[in-house]
């Protein structure tokens, strides 16, 4: 699968995680945005249809969501 949609969202750092995930999936419907707490272990494989949305304990995005 070739992904031709947007692949990073630096403008979402500081946004609420769930809202950020919805924006990501709206702007690139080929990906699944997954909200995840900082420090949680994740698989290291690359998938062109996955975006980790890293949040702190307040649910705020802490780093640029990118396709990983």
Protein backbone atom coordinates (compact mmCIF):
# COMPACT_ATOMS: atom_id res chain seq x y z
CA UNK A 1 0.00 0.00 0.00
CA UNK A 2 1.34 3.41 -0.94
CA UNK A 3 0.30 6.11 1.47
CA UNK A 4 -0.18 9.42 -0.30
CA UNK A 5 -1.76 11.30 2.61
CA UNK A 6 -0.25 13.51 5.27
CA UNK A 7 2.40 11.76 7.41
CA UNK A 8 3.18 14.13 10.33
CA UNK A 9 1.21 16.59 12.45
CA UNK A 10 3.53 18.95 14.39
CA UNK A 11 0.68 21.41 14.84
CA UNK A 12 -1.06 18.95 17.20
CA UNK A 13 1.58 19.08 19.95
CA UNK A 14 -0.24 20.59 22.94
CA UNK A 15 -3.70 19.49 21.74
CA UNK A 16 -5.90 16.97 23.54
CA UNK A 17 -5.03 13.42 22.46
CA UNK A 18 -8.48 12.25 21.39
CA UNK A 19 -9.09 15.41 19.35
CA UNK A 20 -5.65 15.04 17.77
CA UNK A 21 -6.37 11.42 16.81
CA UNK A 22 -9.65 12.46 15.18
CA UNK A 23 -7.86 15.21 13.22
CA UNK A 24 -5.18 12.79 12.04
CA UNK A 25 -7.71 10.22 10.83
CA UNK A 26 -9.72 12.95 9.10
CA UNK A 27 -6.66 14.37 7.31
CA UNK A 28 -5.34 10.94 6.36
CA UNK A 29 -8.09 8.30 6.30
CA UNK A 30 -5.51 5.59 5.47
CA UNK A 31 -4.10 5.63 9.02
CA UNK A 32 -5.23 4.55 12.46
CA UNK A 33 -4.29 7.09 15.16
CA UNK A 34 -3.66 5.46 18.53
CA UNK A 35 -3.57 7.58 21.69
CA UNK A 36 -0.92 6.24 24.06
CA UNK A 37 0.51 7.39 27.38
CA UNK A 38 4.17 8.51 27.39
CA UNK A 39 6.42 5.68 28.52
CA UNK A 40 4.16 2.87 27.36
CA UNK A 41 6.07 0.18 25.44
CA UNK A 42 5.15 -0.13 21.75
CA UNK A 43 6.03 -2.50 18.93
CA UNK A 44 9.11 -1.39 16.99
CA UNK A 45 7.88 -2.48 13.57
CA UNK A 46 7.11 0.19 10.96
CA UNK A 47 3.56 0.35 9.68
CA UNK A 48 2.45 2.88 7.09
CA UNK A 49 -1.08 2.83 8.55
CA UNK A 50 -0.28 3.62 12.20
CA UNK A 51 0.27 6.88 14.07
CA UNK A 52 1.12 6.91 17.78
CA UNK A 53 -0.38 9.95 19.51
CA UNK A 54 1.80 10.30 22.63
CA UNK A 55 0.07 12.03 25.56
CA UNK A 56 0.99 12.96 29.12
CA UNK A 57 -1.09 12.15 32.21
CA UNK A 58 -3.37 15.09 31.38
CA UNK A 59 -4.14 13.70 27.90
CA UNK A 60 -2.12 16.38 26.09
CA UNK A 61 -0.03 15.49 23.03
CA UNK A 62 3.66 15.69 23.95
CA UNK A 63 5.44 15.00 20.64
CA UNK A 64 4.79 15.29 16.93
CA UNK A 65 2.52 12.46 15.78
CA UNK A 66 4.08 10.73 12.73
CA UNK A 67 3.42 7.56 10.79
CA UNK A 68 5.40 4.83 12.51
